[in-house]
Amino acid sequence: MITDLLKKIRSNKSDYPQGFSAIINNLEERDRNESNVSLIWKAYQLSAKIHADQKRTSGEPYFTHCESVAIILSKWKIDVDTVIAGLLHDSIEDTDISKEDISLSFNKDVATLVEGVTKLSGIRFNSKKQEQAENFMKMFISMAKDIRVIIIKFADRLHNMSTIKYLQEDKQNRIALETKEVYVPLAHRLGMNNVKNQLEDLILKTLELDKYNDINQKVNNTKSERERFIRSFIQPIKKELNDFDINADVFGRAKHYSSILGKMVKRNKSFEEIYDLFAIRIIVNKVSECYATLGIIHQNYNPFQERFKDYIARPKRNGYQSIHTTVFTDKGRMVEVQIRTSDMDETAEIGVAAHWKYKNDKLHNKGNSLDYQIAWLREIYELLKSEDTSASEILELFKIDLFQDEIYVYTPTGELIELKPGSTPVDFAYHVHSEVGMHCKGAKVNDKIVPLNHELMNGDYVEIITSKNKSPNHSWLKFVQTTKAKTHIRRWIKKQEHEQSVALGKDILEKHLRKINNMNILKLIKSNPQLVGLNSQQSVYLNVGSGKLTVDEIVSKYCPEEDSVIHQNKANSLTKKFFDLARGRSKGVVVDGLNDIMLRFANCCNPIPGDDIIGYLTKGQGVTV
C-alpha cells in the first residue's frame, strides 16, 4: 500500500498537495516508510488547520511558511521528528495548541523541539534589545540540549529572509541586522556553509540593494566567459583523472555575491580586478583519491604554496574538511581548487544537519564528529545556567566569538588545542581548565617566557605557570579573546566586587551605629531584613556598600525615635554649609590690611559676614577665629 502511495507521490499523480509530496520525496530512502509518511501527513494537516485563519504580510496563507520550512528541512535530509517540528514550529506561539497536545499527538521529542523554537511570551521586557537577548538566550539553552532546534530556526529564518520584501523597511532592516549578527556567524560555526551563503546574499539584497544588483548584473554578464575558462581549465584534469581510474565530479562555481563584495572592499579592488570570483570543486569517493587528485593538479598547474591548506588532515572546528590549493594557469591567472569526498561536500554545505542523520549509524563515525563540533555548546550551556549571567552580555560575546577562524597550539604533552586568532596564554589557560586560568601567573611559549598578553601563533607550544596566590584582574579583559575566558574573568571580578561591597557596607553601618550608640539595630536587621525590602543581612550590607541604601533610611525603619536626631544633625549640617559658603564669599578675613594671612575657624565659632570676630595666634596654624 505504502509503495503504491510513494509511486504516486513521486509521479505527481497523487491527491496529496505538492508541498507534502516534495517533503516526502526529499526524505532519506530509509525514512520513507508507512509510519513516517502517516505522521508527516498528520502534522501537515494539523498545521494547515490551526493556521487556517492566519495570513502573512504578503497576503498568502500563513501555512505556506510552515510548509516551506518543512521542505527546506527535508532537503537537508534531517530526521522525521525535525521535519514534523518544522511543520508545527509556530503552533505554540501563534495558536491555542500546547506542548502537551503535540506530545500526545506525536512524541515528546517533537514537542520539545517546537517549544525550543518558540519565543518567550507573557513577559514584559524593558526594551526590544532585552527581549531579543532573552529570546536568543532561550534558543541557545534549547540548542545546547538539542542541536536540531537551531537547524529548524535556520530553515525558518531562510524562508522569512526570502520573503522579507513584504515587510516595512524598518522591520526589514532590523531582521536583516539580527540575521547578520547572530544567524550568519552561528551557521558558519556549525559548518552550514550553504545556509550562511544564502543568508548573506539575502542580507545584502535587503540592506544594500544597489550593490547587490550591480554585482548580480556583472556576474551574469561574465557568465559565458567564465564558463569557457572553467571548461578549458578542467579538461586536462578530467583526462588524467580518467587515466588514473578516479571517478570524480569536476565543476566550477561562482562565489556568492556577499563574498565577492567582501573581497572588493577588503582588497580595495574593482569587480574586474578580483581573480577568485569562482572556485573549481572536485568531488571524489575516497580520502586517498583527494591526495591523488592534488598531485594531478600540481602536475598540470604550478601551485601557489602560500595558499595551500589541508583541512582534511586538520579539519576546521566546525567540522569542515577539504583540500584547498591555488594554482597558476599558463596565462598567469590564479585559480582556487577545492578537493573533497562526497561526504565532506555534504558536511561543508549543511554542516551539523548532515551529521545528524548518521547519529545512529555505526557504519559512519559521525557521532563523534558531531560531539566535537558542538562541544563548545556544552560549555555555553554551563555559562547560561549561571544565575549571574546577563542575557545581553552573552549575546554580545556570541557576536564576537562565533564568526572566527582558528589557530592550533600545543600543550607540553603534545595535545592539540584549538583557539581563536589573537588568543593569548590566558585564553589557552582557561581552555585547559577554568582553575588553570584563575591562577595563571605567567607563560612559556616555545620555551621562552612571554607576557600574558602575548599573541599566540599557529604551532606554538604553550606552558602555563600558575600560583595559588594569583587571581584575575580587570586588565585581562583588554586582551583575552575567547568567550570562556571573558565570562570566567567577569564572573570572578563581579564576585570580588560583591564581597568588597558587603564588607564596605558592613563597616559603614557599624561605624554609624556606634556613633549614635545603637548597635542593637544590627540584631533587628538580622532577624527582619524584610523591613527594608531585602531577604538577608548580607543583602542589606551589599546595598549600603553599593550606595543603593543609606544608613539614615535603615535607622528610620528600625528605630524611628532616632529620626529626629538625624534630622537635627542634617539641619546643623545645612547650617554649617551655609556658614562655609558665606565665609568663602567674604574672600577671607583681613588682618591689619593683609588678606593672605593663614587663618582657620574654630569648631565652636560660626560667624557670618558682618559679625564681630576675635582671633588669636596658634602655633603652626596662623590665626584662629
Foldseek 3Di string as FASTA:
>chain_A
DLVVVLVCLVVVNDPDDVLLSLLLVLADPVQSDPVLSVLLVVLLVVLCVQQVPPADLVRHRPQVLLSQLLSVLSNLNFHSLLSSLSSCLCVCVPGPDALVNVCVSPHNSSSLLSVLLHQDPPDDDPDPLQSVLVRVLSNLLSCLVPVSSVVSVLSSLLVCLVVVVSDDLVVLLVSLVVCVLAVLLQCVLQLQQQSNLSSLLSSCCNPPVVLSVVLVVVCVVCVVVVQVVQCVLCVQLVVVCVVVVWDKDKDKDFGGSSVLVVCCVVVVHDSVPDQERMAIEIATADPVVLVVSVVSSCVQFPWDVVFWDACQVPPWQSLQGWTWTWTAHPVGGIHIYIYYYPLNVSCNNGRVSSLNVCCPPPVDPSVVVNCSSCVVSNVVSVLSVDPPDRSSVSSVQCSQARNFTWAWEAEPVGDIDIDGFQAFVLLVQVSVPVVSSFFFDWKAWPNHTDHRLDTDHHYIYIDTDGDPPGGDDPVVCVRHRHPSSNSSNVVVVVVVLLVVQLVQLVVVLVVVCVVVVHPVLLVVCQVCVCLVPDDHSSVNSNCSSVVNDDNLNSCCSSPVVCNVVVVVVVVVVVLQVVLVVQCVVVLQDADPNDSPWFEEEDPVDRDGPPDDDDWDQDPPRTIYD
